Amino acid sequence: MSSVHIRRAAGRLAATVLASTGAIALAGSPALAAGPYIGSNSGGANVRTCANTGCASVAYLGNGRAVTMVCWIDSQWVSPPQSDYGSARWFRISSPAGGYVHSSLVESQVSTPRC
């Protein structure tokens, strides 16, 4: 058997094993952000000029978008349906847009200082 035939047979066997166990392998599927990222029940988050829903939105970031957390501040209490859970905590982010995002909308949070 040639090496090409062996590789093809191994590929078919791997596909059969994955299918029989219910596992799915998707080549080229996007990976989740390694650090903090937007994760909202509504599909994204507004980046605001201050830590309050009454402040202007400077950007909208969709779910999965990586963010850089700078610091935290306790300000306006926000609860569902405007957030994923009730909290007064907001994060100032520096990228991809500068401003404030409610804490319930940031997944994989990292330790940051108080603003």
Protein backbone atom coordinates (compact mmCIF):
# COMPACT_ATOMS: atom_id res chain seq x y z
CA MET A 1 0.00 0.00 0.00
CA SER A 2 1.43 3.44 -0.93
CA SER A 3 1.76 6.29 1.57
CA VAL A 4 -1.04 8.19 -0.22
CA HIS A 5 -3.42 5.24 0.25
CA ILE A 6 -2.42 4.93 3.91
CA ARG A 7 -3.06 8.65 4.55
CA ARG A 8 -6.47 8.45 2.83
CA ALA A 9 -7.43 5.35 4.84
CA ALA A 10 -6.32 7.03 8.08
CA GLY A 11 -8.39 10.11 7.19
CA ARG A 12 -11.49 7.99 6.53
CA LEU A 13 -10.97 6.12 9.81
CA ALA A 14 -10.62 9.38 11.77
CA ALA A 15 -13.80 10.75 10.15
CA THR A 16 -15.66 7.55 11.02
CA VAL A 17 -14.49 7.68 14.66
CA LEU A 18 -15.48 11.35 14.97
CA ALA A 19 -18.89 10.70 13.43
CA SER A 20 -19.57 7.69 15.66
CA THR A 21 -18.70 9.59 18.85
CA GLY A 22 -20.73 12.64 17.91
CA ALA A 23 -17.65 14.84 17.78
CA ILE A 24 -17.42 17.41 15.04
CA ALA A 25 -14.16 18.78 13.69
CA LEU A 26 -14.43 21.92 11.59
CA ALA A 27 -11.31 22.90 9.73
CA GLY A 28 -10.78 26.61 9.56
CA SER A 29 -13.41 27.45 12.19
CA PRO A 30 -12.62 30.65 14.15
CA ALA A 31 -11.11 30.20 17.59
CA LEU A 32 -12.51 32.00 20.60
CA ALA A 33 -10.57 35.01 21.78
CA ALA A 34 -7.75 34.02 24.15
CA GLY A 35 -8.53 36.87 26.58
CA PRO A 36 -11.56 39.00 27.37
CA TYR A 37 -14.23 39.15 24.68
CA ILE A 38 -17.81 40.32 24.21
CA GLY A 39 -20.43 37.72 25.10
CA SER A 40 -24.00 38.92 25.33
CA ASN A 41 -27.44 37.32 25.25
CA SER A 42 -28.41 40.03 22.74
CA GLY A 43 -25.50 39.41 20.36
CA GLY A 44 -23.15 42.27 21.26
CA ALA A 45 -22.43 45.32 23.38
CA ASN A 46 -22.38 49.08 23.07
CA VAL A 47 -19.13 50.84 23.95
CA ARG A 48 -20.15 54.05 25.72
CA THR A 49 -18.51 57.40 26.49
CA CYS A 50 -19.18 56.89 30.22
CA ALA A 51 -20.31 54.09 32.53
CA ASN A 52 -24.04 54.73 32.08
CA THR A 53 -26.62 53.58 29.53
CA GLY A 54 -27.60 57.24 29.07
CA CYS A 55 -24.17 58.04 27.61
CA ALA A 56 -23.57 58.00 23.87
CA SER A 57 -22.51 54.79 22.17
CA VAL A 58 -19.21 55.18 20.29
CA ALA A 59 -19.18 51.64 18.88
CA TYR A 60 -21.06 48.36 18.86
CA LEU A 61 -19.03 45.16 19.27
CA GLY A 62 -20.50 41.81 18.28
CA ASN A 63 -20.17 38.62 20.31
CA GLY A 64 -16.71 37.06 20.17
CA ARG A 65 -14.92 40.37 19.59
CA ALA A 66 -11.77 40.59 21.73
CA VAL A 67 -11.45 43.60 24.05
CA THR A 68 -8.61 45.06 26.10
CA MET A 69 -9.75 45.73 29.67
CA VAL A 70 -8.07 48.76 31.25
CA CYS A 71 -9.84 49.25 34.59
CA TRP A 72 -13.21 48.93 36.35
CA ILE A 73 -15.65 51.36 37.94
CA ASP A 74 -18.90 50.93 39.83
CA SER A 75 -21.49 53.28 38.38
CA GLN A 76 -25.02 52.80 37.07
CA TRP A 77 -26.76 49.58 38.12
CA VAL A 78 -27.91 47.75 35.00
CA SER A 79 -30.08 44.63 35.03
CA PRO A 80 -31.67 42.36 32.43
CA PRO A 81 -32.82 42.74 29.74
CA GLN A 82 -30.21 45.51 29.23
CA SER A 83 -27.47 43.23 30.58
CA ASP A 84 -26.91 39.52 31.12
CA TYR A 85 -27.05 39.94 34.93
CA GLY A 86 -27.58 42.80 37.38
CA SER A 87 -24.47 44.75 38.38
CA ALA A 88 -23.10 48.27 38.82
CA ARG A 89 -19.66 47.24 37.48
CA TRP A 90 -18.41 48.62 34.17
CA PHE A 91 -15.07 48.09 32.42
CA ARG A 92 -13.15 50.76 30.57
CA ILE A 93 -11.72 49.20 27.44
CA SER A 94 -9.04 50.56 25.12
CA SER A 95 -9.54 48.42 22.06
CA PRO A 96 -10.95 47.85 19.57
CA ALA A 97 -12.76 51.05 20.65
CA GLY A 98 -12.16 53.18 23.70
CA GLY A 99 -14.99 53.55 26.22
CA TYR A 100 -17.07 51.66 28.78
CA VAL A 101 -18.81 48.28 28.56
CA HIS A 102 -21.06 46.76 31.23
CA SER A 103 -19.30 43.93 33.08
CA SER A 104 -21.99 41.34 32.30
CA LEU A 105 -21.17 41.63 28.61
CA VAL A 106 -17.46 40.76 28.94
CA GLU A 107 -16.48 37.07 29.08
CA SER A 108 -13.10 35.69 30.26
CA GLN A 109 -12.52 38.75 32.44
CA VAL A 110 -9.01 39.43 33.72
CA SER A 111 -7.94 41.27 36.83
CA THR A 112 -7.77 45.02 36.30
CA PRO A 113 -7.27 47.95 38.70
CA ARG A 114 -10.00 50.34 39.75
CA CYS A 115 -10.23 53.38 37.42
